[in-house]
Every structure is written in structure tokens, then in C-alpha cells.
Amino acid sequence: MMAAQLGLDQQIVILHEEAGMQDNMGQTAIMHAIMHKNISSICILMEAEKLVLDRQGRSVIDYLELYKLKETVENALNKVTLFRAGSPMLKKRCNSPQMMIKQDQ
């Protein structure tokens, strides 16, 4: 969760098998990433944690709406999808969702 808060994307990938773990409030790493607006961390964790609810019954989508990040994350995920479908040269130049997002800003 700390890696998601701080946007330490490489550590998130390493700890991916722990996805879905919840803190004492029922929040997962992606929920912490949303609260700290770490878009690349959100993209990395989305598939693994999108269905988990916190103790108040709030979903990842609820958090995205609460923090006004839903459209931003949808756009970033679309870019990641395009990136993964892109050429091998493009993949060599940009090997993380964070790099892909930064290039378009």
C-alpha cells in the first residue's frame, strides 16, 4: 500500500501477488493510490483490485468518482491498452504505464 501511495510502480509489480490485501479500514493499495492520485499505480493495480470493496462498501469506481479521477484513469487505461498493442520499438522506448502517460502530457 505504501508503494501505491508513493507511486513506486516497480515495487507494485513485484508485490502484485499481494494484490487485494486490505488495511484496517478495508482499503486496498489501489484505493490508497487513488487517494494520492498516483495514476500509474492505479493502472497497474486496476485489474487485480477492481472488485474489492472497503468496509463501507465502496468500490474502486466509487473512489475514482470521489477523487474526481474516473475520466483520467479511463484515459490512462486506454493509452496503456494502445501501448500494449503497439509496435515492439514503442514498447522498448516506454516500458511502463507511467512513461506512456508522461509522454502525452
PDB file of N, CA and C in Angstrom:
ATOM      1  N   MET A   1       0.827  -1.196   0.000  1.00  0.00           N
ATOM      2  CA  MET A   1       0.000   0.000   0.000  1.00  0.00           C
ATOM      3  C   MET A   1       0.867   1.253   0.000  1.00  0.00           C
ATOM      4  N   MET A   2       1.971   1.185   0.716  1.00  0.00           N
ATOM      5  CA  MET A   2       2.881   2.324   0.754  1.00  0.00           C
ATOM      6  C   MET A   2       3.473   2.581  -0.634  1.00  0.00           C
ATOM      7  N   ALA A   3       3.806   1.516  -1.345  1.00  0.00           N
ATOM      8  CA  ALA A   3       4.343   1.673  -2.699  1.00  0.00           C
ATOM      9  C   ALA A   3       3.322   2.358  -3.602  1.00  0.00           C
ATOM     10  N   ALA A   4       2.043   2.026  -3.441  1.00  0.00           N
ATOM     11  CA  ALA A   4       0.997   2.653  -4.256  1.00  0.00           C
ATOM     12  C   ALA A   4       0.826   4.117  -3.884  1.00  0.00           C
ATOM     13  N   GLN A   5       0.905   4.424  -2.594  1.00  0.00           N
ATOM     14  CA  GLN A   5       0.777   5.812  -2.147  1.00  0.00           C
ATOM     15  C   GLN A   5       1.893   6.672  -2.726  1.00  0.00           C
ATOM     16  N   LEU A   6       3.086   6.110  -2.751  1.00  0.00           N
ATOM     17  CA  LEU A   6       4.253   6.877  -3.189  1.00  0.00           C
ATOM     18  C   LEU A   6       4.500   6.787  -4.695  1.00  0.00           C
ATOM     19  N   GLY A   7       3.719   5.959  -5.383  1.00  0.00           N
ATOM     20  CA  GLY A   7       3.889   5.820  -6.828  1.00  0.00           C
ATOM     21  C   GLY A   7       5.128   5.031  -7.212  1.00  0.00           C
ATOM     22  N   LEU A   8       5.523   4.082  -6.380  1.00  0.00           N
ATOM     23  CA  LEU A   8       6.696   3.254  -6.652  1.00  0.00           C
ATOM     24  C   LEU A   8       6.273   2.055  -7.502  1.00  0.00           C
ATOM     25  N   ASP A   9       6.105   2.314  -8.785  1.00  0.00           N
ATOM     26  CA  ASP A   9       5.495   1.345  -9.687  1.00  0.00           C
ATOM     27  C   ASP A   9       6.251   0.027  -9.789  1.00  0.00           C
ATOM     28  N   GLN A  10       7.564   0.056  -9.792  1.00  0.00           N
ATOM     29  CA  GLN A  10       8.330  -1.185  -9.910  1.00  0.00           C
ATOM     30  C   GLN A  10       8.086  -2.087  -8.702  1.00  0.00           C
ATOM     31  N   GLN A  11       7.976  -1.507  -7.519  1.00  0.00           N
ATOM     32  CA  GLN A  11       7.708  -2.296  -6.329  1.00  0.00           C
ATOM     33  C   GLN A  11       6.296  -2.876  -6.352  1.00  0.00           C
ATOM     34  N   ILE A  12       5.357  -2.138  -6.930  1.00  0.00           N
ATOM     35  CA  ILE A  12       3.987  -2.637  -7.036  1.00  0.00           C
ATOM     36  C   ILE A  12       3.962  -3.878  -7.916  1.00  0.00           C
ATOM     37  N   VAL A  13       4.669  -3.856  -9.009  1.00  0.00           N
ATOM     38  CA  VAL A  13       4.709  -5.011  -9.905  1.00  0.00           C
ATOM     39  C   VAL A  13       5.300  -6.208  -9.167  1.00  0.00           C
ATOM     40  N   ILE A  14       6.343  -6.002  -8.401  1.00  0.00           N
ATOM     41  CA  ILE A  14       6.979  -7.076  -7.639  1.00  0.00           C
ATOM     42  C   ILE A  14       6.010  -7.653  -6.612  1.00  0.00           C
ATOM     43  N   LEU A  15       5.228  -6.802  -5.971  1.00  0.00           N
ATOM     44  CA  LEU A  15       4.321  -7.240  -4.907  1.00  0.00           C
ATOM     45  C   LEU A  15       2.918  -7.569  -5.420  1.00  0.00           C
ATOM     46  N   HIS A  16       2.775  -7.740  -6.714  1.00  0.00           N
ATOM     47  CA  HIS A  16       1.454  -7.938  -7.317  1.00  0.00           C
ATOM     48  C   HIS A  16       0.705  -9.136  -6.733  1.00  0.00           C
ATOM     49  N   GLU A  17       1.443 -10.150  -6.260  1.00  0.00           N
ATOM     50  CA  GLU A  17       0.770 -11.321  -5.697  1.00  0.00           C
ATOM     51  C   GLU A  17       0.043 -10.985  -4.394  1.00  0.00           C
ATOM     52  N   GLU A  18       0.338  -9.853  -3.804  1.00  0.00           N
ATOM     53  CA  GLU A  18      -0.339  -9.429  -2.581  1.00  0.00           C
ATOM     54  C   GLU A  18      -1.532  -8.513  -2.878  1.00  0.00           C
ATOM     55  N   ALA A  19      -1.865  -8.373  -4.121  1.00  0.00           N
ATOM     56  CA  ALA A  19      -2.992  -7.518  -4.514  1.00  0.00           C
ATOM     57  C   ALA A  19      -4.259  -7.977  -3.812  1.00  0.00           C
ATOM     58  N   GLY A  20      -5.036  -7.009  -3.395  1.00  0.00           N
ATOM     59  CA  GLY A  20      -6.302  -7.304  -2.724  1.00  0.00           C
ATOM     60  C   GLY A  20      -6.208  -7.293  -1.209  1.00  0.00           C
ATOM     61  N   MET A  21      -5.006  -7.242  -0.674  1.00  0.00           N
ATOM     62  CA  MET A  21      -4.862  -7.160   0.786  1.00  0.00           C
ATOM     63  C   MET A  21      -5.471  -5.846   1.258  1.00  0.00           C
ATOM     64  N   GLN A  22      -6.098  -5.879   2.423  1.00  0.00           N
ATOM     65  CA  GLN A  22      -6.789  -4.707   2.933  1.00  0.00           C
ATOM     66  C   GLN A  22      -6.223  -4.276   4.275  1.00  0.00           C
ATOM     67  N   ASP A  23      -6.232  -2.954   4.504  1.00  0.00           N
ATOM     68  CA  ASP A  23      -5.801  -2.422   5.790  1.00  0.00           C
ATOM     69  C   ASP A  23      -6.978  -2.483   6.775  1.00  0.00           C
ATOM     70  N   ASN A  24      -6.824  -1.882   7.946  1.00  0.00           N
ATOM     71  CA  ASN A  24      -7.873  -1.947   8.965  1.00  0.00           C
ATOM     72  C   ASN A  24      -9.152  -1.212   8.569  1.00  0.00           C
ATOM     73  N   MET A  25      -9.103  -0.391   7.528  1.00  0.00           N
ATOM     74  CA  MET A  25     -10.302   0.293   7.013  1.00  0.00           C
ATOM     75  C   MET A  25     -10.890  -0.451   5.813  1.00  0.00           C
ATOM     76  N   GLY A  26     -10.253  -1.566   5.458  1.00  0.00           N
ATOM     77  CA  GLY A  26     -10.712  -2.332   4.310  1.00  0.00           C
ATOM     78  C   GLY A  26     -10.218  -1.771   2.986  1.00  0.00           C
ATOM     79  N   GLN A  27      -9.300  -0.828   3.043  1.00  0.00           N
ATOM     80  CA  GLN A  27      -8.780  -0.208   1.815  1.00  0.00           C
ATOM     81  C   GLN A  27      -7.611  -1.015   1.273  1.00  0.00           C
ATOM     82  N   THR A  28      -7.576  -1.101  -0.051  1.00  0.00           N
ATOM     83  CA  THR A  28      -6.505  -1.811  -0.734  1.00  0.00           C
ATOM     84  C   THR A  28      -5.475  -0.808  -1.259  1.00  0.00           C
ATOM     85  N   ALA A  29      -4.427  -1.344  -1.854  1.00  0.00           N
ATOM     86  CA  ALA A  29      -3.372  -0.480  -2.405  1.00  0.00           C
ATOM     87  C   ALA A  29      -3.916   0.476  -3.457  1.00  0.00           C
ATOM     88  N   ILE A  30      -4.824  -0.012  -4.308  1.00  0.00           N
ATOM     89  CA  ILE A  30      -5.361   0.871  -5.354  1.00  0.00           C
ATOM     90  C   ILE A  30      -6.151   2.025  -4.744  1.00  0.00           C
ATOM     91  N   MET A  31      -6.849   1.761  -3.658  1.00  0.00           N
ATOM     92  CA  MET A  31      -7.607   2.828  -3.000  1.00  0.00           C
ATOM     93  C   MET A  31      -6.667   3.892  -2.444  1.00  0.00           C
ATOM     94  N   HIS A  32      -5.528   3.443  -1.911  1.00  0.00           N
ATOM     95  CA  HIS A  32      -4.517   4.397  -1.438  1.00  0.00           C
ATOM     96  C   HIS A  32      -3.903   5.160  -2.609  1.00  0.00           C
ATOM     97  N   ALA A  33      -3.671   4.456  -3.711  1.00  0.00           N
ATOM     98  CA  ALA A  33      -3.129   5.122  -4.906  1.00  0.00           C
ATOM     99  C   ALA A  33      -4.098   6.193  -5.408  1.00  0.00           C
ATOM    100  N   ILE A  34      -5.386   5.894  -5.375  1.00  0.00           N
ATOM    101  CA  ILE A  34      -6.391   6.870  -5.801  1.00  0.00           C
ATOM    102  C   ILE A  34      -6.373   8.083  -4.887  1.00  0.00           C
ATOM    103  N   MET A  35      -6.336   7.837  -3.579  1.00  0.00           N
ATOM    104  CA  MET A  35      -6.330   8.950  -2.629  1.00  0.00           C
ATOM    105  C   MET A  35      -5.108   9.844  -2.808  1.00  0.00           C
ATOM    106  N   HIS A  36      -4.004   9.276  -3.293  1.00  0.00           N
ATOM    107  CA  HIS A  36      -2.776  10.045  -3.502  1.00  0.00           C
ATOM    108  C   HIS A  36      -2.566  10.405  -4.973  1.00  0.00           C
ATOM    109  N   LYS A  37      -3.570  10.098  -5.795  1.00  0.00           N
ATOM    110  CA  LYS A  37      -3.601  10.469  -7.215  1.00  0.00           C
ATOM    111  C   LYS A  37      -2.385   9.972  -8.004  1.00  0.00           C
ATOM    112  N   ASN A  38      -1.985   8.731  -7.744  1.00  0.00           N
ATOM    113  CA  ASN A  38      -0.880   8.100  -8.474  1.00  0.00           C
ATOM    114  C   ASN A  38      -1.466   7.273  -9.612  1.00  0.00           C
ATOM    115  N   ILE A  39      -1.637   7.918 -10.753  1.00  0.00           N
ATOM    116  CA  ILE A  39      -2.336   7.330 -11.890  1.00  0.00           C
ATOM    117  C   ILE A  39      -1.656   6.057 -12.385  1.00  0.00           C
ATOM    118  N   SER A  40      -0.347   6.059 -12.488  1.00  0.00           N
ATOM    119  CA  SER A  40       0.330   4.861 -12.995  1.00  0.00           C
ATOM    120  C   SER A  40       0.150   3.687 -12.045  1.00  0.00           C
ATOM    121  N   SER A  41       0.159   3.944 -10.732  1.00  0.00           N
ATOM    122  CA  SER A  41      -0.078   2.879  -9.753  1.00  0.00           C
ATOM    123  C   SER A  41      -1.493   2.336  -9.888  1.00  0.00           C
ATOM    124  N   ILE A  42      -2.441   3.218 -10.119  1.00  0.00           N
ATOM    125  CA  ILE A  42      -3.833   2.802 -10.303  1.00  0.00           C
ATOM    126  C   ILE A  42      -3.932   1.877 -11.515  1.00  0.00           C
ATOM    127  N   CYS A  43      -3.279   2.239 -12.602  1.00  0.00           N
ATOM    128  CA  CYS A  43      -3.314   1.426 -13.821  1.00  0.00           C
ATOM    129  C   CYS A  43      -2.732   0.034 -13.569  1.00  0.00           C
ATOM    130  N   ILE A  44      -1.667  -0.022 -12.830  1.00  0.00           N
ATOM    131  CA  ILE A  44      -1.023  -1.304 -12.538  1.00  0.00           C
ATOM    132  C   ILE A  44      -1.926  -2.199 -11.699  1.00  0.00           C
ATOM    133  N   LEU A  45      -2.623  -1.617 -10.743  1.00  0.00           N
ATOM    134  CA  LEU A  45      -3.414  -2.398  -9.789  1.00  0.00           C
ATOM    135  C   LEU A  45      -4.865  -2.623 -10.205  1.00  0.00           C
ATOM    136  N   MET A  46      -5.334  -1.936 -11.212  1.00  0.00           N
ATOM    137  CA  MET A  46      -6.762  -1.953 -11.549  1.00  0.00           C
ATOM    138  C   MET A  46      -7.306  -3.361 -11.739  1.00  0.00           C
ATOM    139  N   GLU A  47      -6.674  -4.155 -12.581  1.00  0.00           N
ATOM    140  CA  GLU A  47      -7.214  -5.473 -12.896  1.00  0.00           C
ATOM    141  C   GLU A  47      -7.296  -6.359 -11.649  1.00  0.00           C
ATOM    142  N   ALA A  48      -6.285  -6.300 -10.802  1.00  0.00           N
ATOM    143  CA  ALA A  48      -6.229  -7.184  -9.636  1.00  0.00           C
ATOM    144  C   ALA A  48      -7.160  -6.759  -8.499  1.00  0.00           C
ATOM    145  N   GLU A  49      -7.483  -5.469  -8.403  1.00  0.00           N
ATOM    146  CA  GLU A  49      -8.210  -4.997  -7.237  1.00  0.00           C
ATOM    147  C   GLU A  49      -9.550  -4.314  -7.551  1.00  0.00           C
ATOM    148  N   LYS A  50      -9.966  -4.324  -8.795  1.00  0.00           N
ATOM    149  CA  LYS A  50     -11.140  -3.533  -9.169  1.00  0.00           C
ATOM    150  C   LYS A  50     -12.438  -3.992  -8.516  1.00  0.00           C
ATOM    151  N   LEU A  51     -12.515  -5.223  -8.047  1.00  0.00           N
ATOM    152  CA  LEU A  51     -13.763  -5.733  -7.477  1.00  0.00           C
ATOM    153  C   LEU A  51     -13.809  -5.708  -5.950  1.00  0.00           C
ATOM    154  N   VAL A  52     -12.726  -5.311  -5.310  1.00  0.00           N
ATOM    155  CA  VAL A  52     -12.666  -5.312  -3.849  1.00  0.00           C
ATOM    156  C   VAL A  52     -13.422  -4.105  -3.295  1.00  0.00           C
ATOM    157  N   LEU A  53     -14.174  -4.338  -2.218  1.00  0.00           N
ATOM    158  CA  LEU A  53     -14.900  -3.265  -1.537  1.00  0.00           C
ATOM    159  C   LEU A  53     -14.236  -2.981  -0.192  1.00  0.00           C
ATOM    160  N   ASP A  54     -14.260  -1.708   0.219  1.00  0.00           N
ATOM    161  CA  ASP A  54     -13.753  -1.380   1.551  1.00  0.00           C
ATOM    162  C   ASP A  54     -14.829  -1.700   2.592  1.00  0.00           C
ATOM    163  N   ARG A  55     -14.560  -1.427   3.852  1.00  0.00           N
ATOM    164  CA  ARG A  55     -15.510  -1.766   4.921  1.00  0.00           C
ATOM    165  C   ARG A  55     -16.822  -0.993   4.840  1.00  0.00           C
ATOM    166  N   GLN A  56     -16.822   0.114   4.131  1.00  0.00           N
ATOM    167  CA  GLN A  56     -18.044   0.894   3.968  1.00  0.00           C
ATOM    168  C   GLN A  56     -18.789   0.503   2.693  1.00  0.00           C
ATOM    169  N   GLY A  57     -18.283  -0.513   2.000  1.00  0.00           N
ATOM    170  CA  GLY A  57     -18.929  -0.988   0.784  1.00  0.00           C
ATOM    171  C   GLY A  57     -18.593  -0.186  -0.462  1.00  0.00           C
ATOM    172  N   ARG A  58     -17.559   0.669  -0.378  1.00  0.00           N
ATOM    173  CA  ARG A  58     -17.162   1.482  -1.537  1.00  0.00           C
ATOM    174  C   ARG A  58     -16.214   0.695  -2.437  1.00  0.00           C
ATOM    175  N   SER A  59     -16.447   0.820  -3.728  1.00  0.00           N
ATOM    176  CA  SER A  59     -15.619   0.141  -4.728  1.00  0.00           C
ATOM    177  C   SER A  59     -14.525   1.071  -5.233  1.00  0.00           C
ATOM    178  N   VAL A  60     -13.674   0.519  -6.077  1.00  0.00           N
ATOM    179  CA  VAL A  60     -12.635   1.316  -6.734  1.00  0.00           C
ATOM    180  C   VAL A  60     -13.282   2.434  -7.554  1.00  0.00           C
ATOM    181  N   ILE A  61     -14.375   2.114  -8.251  1.00  0.00           N
ATOM    182  CA  ILE A  61     -15.079   3.130  -9.045  1.00  0.00           C
ATOM    183  C   ILE A  61     -15.599   4.241  -8.138  1.00  0.00           C
ATOM    184  N   ASP A  62     -16.111   3.868  -6.970  1.00  0.00           N
ATOM    185  CA  ASP A  62     -16.575   4.888  -6.015  1.00  0.00           C
ATOM    186  C   ASP A  62     -15.435   5.820  -5.612  1.00  0.00           C
ATOM    187  N   TYR A  63     -14.258   5.247  -5.370  1.00  0.00           N
ATOM    188  CA  TYR A  63     -13.094   6.069  -5.015  1.00  0.00           C
ATOM    189  C   TYR A  63     -12.696   6.977  -6.170  1.00  0.00           C
ATOM    190  N   LEU A  64     -12.685   6.423  -7.386  1.00  0.00           N
ATOM    191  CA  LEU A  64     -12.329   7.237  -8.550  1.00  0.00           C
ATOM    192  C   LEU A  64     -13.285   8.413  -8.715  1.00  0.00           C
ATOM    193  N   GLU A  65     -14.554   8.174  -8.490  1.00  0.00           N
ATOM    194  CA  GLU A  65     -15.536   9.258  -8.596  1.00  0.00           C
ATOM    195  C   GLU A  65     -15.368  10.254  -7.452  1.00  0.00           C
ATOM    196  N   LEU A  66     -15.144   9.759  -6.249  1.00  0.00           N
ATOM    197  CA  LEU A  66     -14.961  10.626  -5.087  1.00  0.00           C
ATOM    198  C   LEU A  66     -13.770  11.571  -5.266  1.00  0.00           C
ATOM    199  N   TYR A  67     -12.690  11.050  -5.817  1.00  0.00           N
ATOM    200  CA  TYR A  67     -11.472  11.845  -6.008  1.00  0.00           C
ATOM    201  C   TYR A  67     -11.386  12.458  -7.406  1.00  0.00           C
ATOM    202  N   LYS A  68     -12.485  12.390  -8.151  1.00  0.00           N
ATOM    203  CA  LYS A  68     -12.593  13.002  -9.478  1.00  0.00           C
ATOM    204  C   LYS A  68     -11.480  12.543 -10.431  1.00  0.00           C
ATOM    205  N   LEU A  69     -11.236  11.233 -10.432  1.00  0.00           N
ATOM    206  CA  LEU A  69     -10.186  10.662 -11.270  1.00  0.00           C
ATOM    207  C   LEU A  69     -10.706   9.664 -12.297  1.00  0.00           C
ATOM    208  N   LYS A  70     -12.004   9.442 -12.338  1.00  0.00           N
ATOM    209  CA  LYS A  70     -12.541   8.390 -13.202  1.00  0.00           C
ATOM    210  C   LYS A  70     -12.156   8.602 -14.665  1.00  0.00           C
ATOM    211  N   GLU A  71     -12.384   9.779 -15.193  1.00  0.00           N
ATOM    212  CA  GLU A  71     -12.075  10.043 -16.600  1.00  0.00           C
ATOM    213  C   GLU A  71     -10.572   9.974 -16.858  1.00  0.00           C
ATOM    214  N   THR A  72      -9.788  10.515 -15.959  1.00  0.00           N
ATOM    215  CA  THR A  72      -8.331  10.488 -16.105  1.00  0.00           C
ATOM    216  C   THR A  72      -7.820   9.061 -16.164  1.00  0.00           C
ATOM    217  N   VAL A  73      -8.318   8.210 -15.267  1.00  0.00           N
ATOM    218  CA  VAL A  73      -7.875   6.818 -15.228  1.00  0.00           C
ATOM    219  C   VAL A  73      -8.373   6.063 -16.464  1.00  0.00           C
ATOM    220  N   GLU A  74      -9.608   6.308 -16.872  1.00  0.00           N
ATOM    221  CA  GLU A  74     -10.107   5.666 -18.094  1.00  0.00           C
ATOM    222  C   GLU A  74      -9.223   6.021 -19.287  1.00  0.00           C
ATOM    223  N   ASN A  75      -8.846   7.282 -19.410  1.00  0.00           N
ATOM    224  CA  ASN A  75      -7.958   7.706 -20.500  1.00  0.00           C
ATOM    225  C   ASN A  75      -6.596   7.032 -20.400  1.00  0.00           C
ATOM    226  N   ALA A  76      -6.058   6.970 -19.186  1.00  0.00           N
ATOM    227  CA  ALA A  76      -4.751   6.342 -18.990  1.00  0.00           C
ATOM    228  C   ALA A  76      -4.810   4.853 -19.320  1.00  0.00           C
ATOM    229  N   LEU A  77      -5.868   4.176 -18.908  1.00  0.00           N
ATOM    230  CA  LEU A  77      -6.000   2.750 -19.209  1.00  0.00           C
ATOM    231  C   LEU A  77      -6.143   2.522 -20.706  1.00  0.00           C
ATOM    232  N   ASN A  78      -6.834   3.408 -21.394  1.00  0.00           N
ATOM    233  CA  ASN A  78      -6.940   3.305 -22.852  1.00  0.00           C
ATOM    234  C   ASN A  78      -5.565   3.457 -23.497  1.00  0.00           C
ATOM    235  N   LYS A  79      -4.756   4.380 -22.991  1.00  0.00           N
ATOM    236  CA  LYS A  79      -3.401   4.571 -23.515  1.00  0.00           C
ATOM    237  C   LYS A  79      -2.544   3.345 -23.273  1.00  0.00           C
ATOM    238  N   VAL A  80      -2.687   2.737 -22.088  1.00  0.00           N
ATOM    239  CA  VAL A  80      -1.921   1.529 -21.772  1.00  0.00           C
ATOM    240  C   VAL A  80      -2.322   0.405 -22.717  1.00  0.00           C
ATOM    241  N   THR A  81      -3.615   0.269 -22.992  1.00  0.00           N
ATOM    242  CA  THR A  81      -4.097  -0.758 -23.920  1.00  0.00           C
ATOM    243  C   THR A  81      -3.511  -0.539 -25.307  1.00  0.00           C
ATOM    244  N   LEU A  82      -3.524   0.705 -25.763  1.00  0.00           N
ATOM    245  CA  LEU A  82      -2.915   1.016 -27.065  1.00  0.00           C
ATOM    246  C   LEU A  82      -1.428   0.741 -27.049  1.00  0.00           C
ATOM    247  N   PHE A  83      -0.784   1.072 -25.955  1.00  0.00           N
ATOM    248  CA  PHE A  83       0.652   0.846 -25.801  1.00  0.00           C
ATOM    249  C   PHE A  83       0.979  -0.640 -25.922  1.00  0.00           C
ATOM    250  N   ARG A  84       0.194  -1.467 -25.217  1.00  0.00           N
ATOM    251  CA  ARG A  84       0.447  -2.914 -25.248  1.00  0.00           C
ATOM    252  C   ARG A  84       0.224  -3.494 -26.638  1.00  0.00           C
ATOM    253  N   ALA A  85      -0.645  -2.883 -27.406  1.00  0.00           N
ATOM    254  CA  ALA A  85      -0.908  -3.355 -28.765  1.00  0.00           C
ATOM    255  C   ALA A  85       0.072  -2.755 -29.771  1.00  0.00           C
ATOM    256  N   GLY A  86       0.908  -1.829 -29.323  1.00  0.00           N
ATOM    257  CA  GLY A  86       1.815  -1.103 -30.215  1.00  0.00           C
ATOM    258  C   GLY A  86       2.994  -1.923 -30.687  1.00  0.00           C
ATOM    259  N   SER A  87       3.842  -1.252 -31.417  1.00  0.00           N
ATOM    260  CA  SER A  87       4.998  -1.902 -32.023  1.00  0.00           C
ATOM    261  C   SER A  87       6.042  -2.272 -30.973  1.00  0.00           C
ATOM    262  N   PRO A  88       6.906  -3.261 -31.269  1.00  0.00           N
ATOM    263  CA  PRO A  88       7.992  -3.625 -30.359  1.00  0.00           C
ATOM    264  C   PRO A  88       8.946  -2.457 -30.088  1.00  0.00           C
ATOM    265  N   MET A  89       9.157  -1.597 -31.080  1.00  0.00           N
ATOM    266  CA  MET A  89      10.030  -0.434 -30.869  1.00  0.00           C
ATOM    267  C   MET A  89       9.438   0.505 -29.829  1.00  0.00           C
ATOM    268  N   LEU A  90       8.145   0.746 -29.919  1.00  0.00           N
ATOM    269  CA  LEU A  90       7.480   1.604 -28.957  1.00  0.00           C
ATOM    270  C   LEU A  90       7.577   0.995 -27.568  1.00  0.00           C
ATOM    271  N   LYS A  91       7.391  -0.295 -27.464  1.00  0.00           N
ATOM    272  CA  LYS A  91       7.479  -0.965 -26.172  1.00  0.00           C
ATOM    273  C   LYS A  91       8.879  -0.849 -25.582  1.00  0.00           C
ATOM    274  N   LYS A  92       9.907  -0.893 -26.435  1.00  0.00           N
ATOM    275  CA  LYS A  92      11.283  -0.748 -25.951  1.00  0.00           C
ATOM    276  C   LYS A  92      11.520   0.639 -25.370  1.00  0.00           C
ATOM    277  N   ARG A  93      11.004   1.651 -26.032  1.00  0.00           N
ATOM    278  CA  ARG A  93      11.212   3.033 -25.598  1.00  0.00           C
ATOM    279  C   ARG A  93      10.484   3.341 -24.305  1.00  0.00           C
ATOM    280  N   CYS A  94       9.311   2.793 -24.127  1.00  0.00           N
ATOM    281  CA  CYS A  94       8.473   3.107 -22.975  1.00  0.00           C
ATOM    282  C   CYS A  94       8.037   1.801 -22.344  1.00  0.00           C
ATOM    283  N   ASN A  95       8.629   1.445 -21.252  1.00  0.00           N
ATOM    284  CA  ASN A  95       8.318   0.134 -20.691  1.00  0.00           C
ATOM    285  C   ASN A  95       7.411   0.180 -19.469  1.00  0.00           C
ATOM    286  N   SER A  96       6.758   1.298 -19.216  1.00  0.00           N
ATOM    287  CA  SER A  96       5.843   1.354 -18.084  1.00  0.00           C
ATOM    288  C   SER A  96       4.653   2.239 -18.412  1.00  0.00           C
ATOM    289  N   PRO A  97       3.508   1.972 -17.760  1.00  0.00           N
ATOM    290  CA  PRO A  97       2.349   2.840 -17.973  1.00  0.00           C
ATOM    291  C   PRO A  97       2.655   4.292 -17.610  1.00  0.00           C
ATOM    292  N   GLN A  98       3.492   4.501 -16.609  1.00  0.00           N
ATOM    293  CA  GLN A  98       3.837   5.859 -16.178  1.00  0.00           C
ATOM    294  C   GLN A  98       4.535   6.614 -17.298  1.00  0.00           C
ATOM    295  N   MET A  99       5.465   5.948 -17.983  1.00  0.00           N
ATOM    296  CA  MET A  99       6.174   6.600 -19.080  1.00  0.00           C
ATOM    297  C   MET A  99       5.193   6.950 -20.196  1.00  0.00           C
ATOM    298  N   MET A 100       4.266   6.072 -20.492  1.00  0.00           N
ATOM    299  CA  MET A 100       3.286   6.315 -21.550  1.00  0.00           C
ATOM    300  C   MET A 100       2.446   7.524 -21.224  1.00  0.00           C
ATOM    301  N   ILE A 101       2.031   7.632 -19.971  1.00  0.00           N
ATOM    302  CA  ILE A 101       1.197   8.765 -19.545  1.00  0.00           C
ATOM    303  C   ILE A 101       2.003  10.064 -19.620  1.00  0.00           C
ATOM    304  N   LYS A 102       3.246  10.018 -19.162  1.00  0.00           N
ATOM    305  CA  LYS A 102       4.067  11.228 -19.154  1.00  0.00           C
ATOM    306  C   LYS A 102       4.313  11.749 -20.566  1.00  0.00           C
ATOM    307  N   GLN A 103       4.477  10.855 -21.539  1.00  0.00           N
ATOM    308  CA  GLN A 103       4.751  11.292 -22.905  1.00  0.00           C
ATOM    309  C   GLN A 103       3.621  12.111 -23.477  1.00  0.00           C
ATOM    310  N   ASP A 104       2.402  11.810 -23.088  1.00  0.00           N
ATOM    311  CA  ASP A 104       1.244  12.518 -23.651  1.00  0.00           C
ATOM    312  C   ASP A 104       0.872  13.783 -22.892  1.00  0.00           C
ATOM    313  N   GLN A 105       1.545  14.066 -21.804  1.00  0.00           N
ATOM    314  CA  GLN A 105       1.199  15.257 -21.024  1.00  0.00           C
ATOM    315  C   GLN A 105       1.913  16.475 -21.554  1.00  0.00           C
TER     316      GLN A 105
END
